[in-house]
Amino acid sequence: PKAKGGKTRKLQAFINTLNASIELLPTQRPGHAEVLARDAVNSGIKKIIAAGGDGTINEVVNGLLSSTKQELDQIVLGVLPSGTANVFAKELGLPTDIKDAWSIICSGKTKSIDIPRVEYLDSDSPTYRYFIQLAGAGVDAKAVQDLNLSLKEKLGKFAYLVSLARAVSSSKPKLQVKLESAQLQAEQVLIGNGRYYAGSFKVFPLAKNDDGLLDIIILRKANWFGFVFGLIGLASHKLYKMPGITMLRTHQAHIESATKVPVELDGELAGTLPIKLIARSQRLKVIIP
């Protein structure tokens, strides 16, 4: 968890009541959770608990997968949801109550899930990052890029919708999407490793995080018409049926553009196009109910 804030104090108070050997390691800066997770695994720890939202869990997973000291199949990840949206926790079926979530960590079962990889293709040397739930390029990543922190603190997950509306009003570059079965043009691309997006919205109804596939939603025009229909689709869990939207499934995908278009991974800004996405680059054990 973050070093400052009421959630960290609440979590520490809860841990103090447990009869268990647990060390709470608050993060001090962006990217710190990745370092802490990698150092913990390199020191021989096999069960890591990520307390936070999707961005924190993303960092922890990237830290676990960058370890050079342990085999990945020996590591288990548990999640204590305490972020803004907690999309990944919802995907796993975890409760938001800290005591109930801890009970599952202690007595739940494990499941191996796919950890997709994003390769950045404009770098002089190969660079990549992993994501757990969702990736996006275009308008949604622009919304993440421009998201005001104070607005997020006031409105929570609804702040993203405000920023998204602003991004829809801005100019939008063309994206070229190359899949195994098709090549398309778009102004927005969403890539899912699970069913949920931005909270409880079931955007990818057929997605499974253990099937070796990525679910792709392609929005050809990210204008106000598409934005309104997108909101209707989110509310009805039928985004893929809205006009101007195509949904496909693939093992890998290339997305590129003539300009520097932002990319988001699990709700956090993460580089720019062009990228290559690989559905099942790694597998990780997670604790589920």
Foldseek 3Di string as FASTA:
>chain_A
DAPDDDVVVVVVVVVVPDPDDDDDDHAHDQLRLLVVLLVCVQVPDAEEEQEEAQSSVQSNVQSLVPHPRDDQASHEYAYQYDYQARFVCVQLVADNDRVRSVVLVVDFDKDKFFWKKKWADPDPDIDIGTFQWKKKWALLLQLLVPQDPVLCVVPGLVSSVVSSVVSQVDDFFKKWKDAPVDIDIARMKMKTQGQDDSHRFRQPVPHHRHPLKIKMKGARRSHPVLSVQCVVCRVVSNNCPTPRIHIDMGQKMWMAGPDFIWMDGSSHTDGTDGIMMGRGPDMHMYGHD
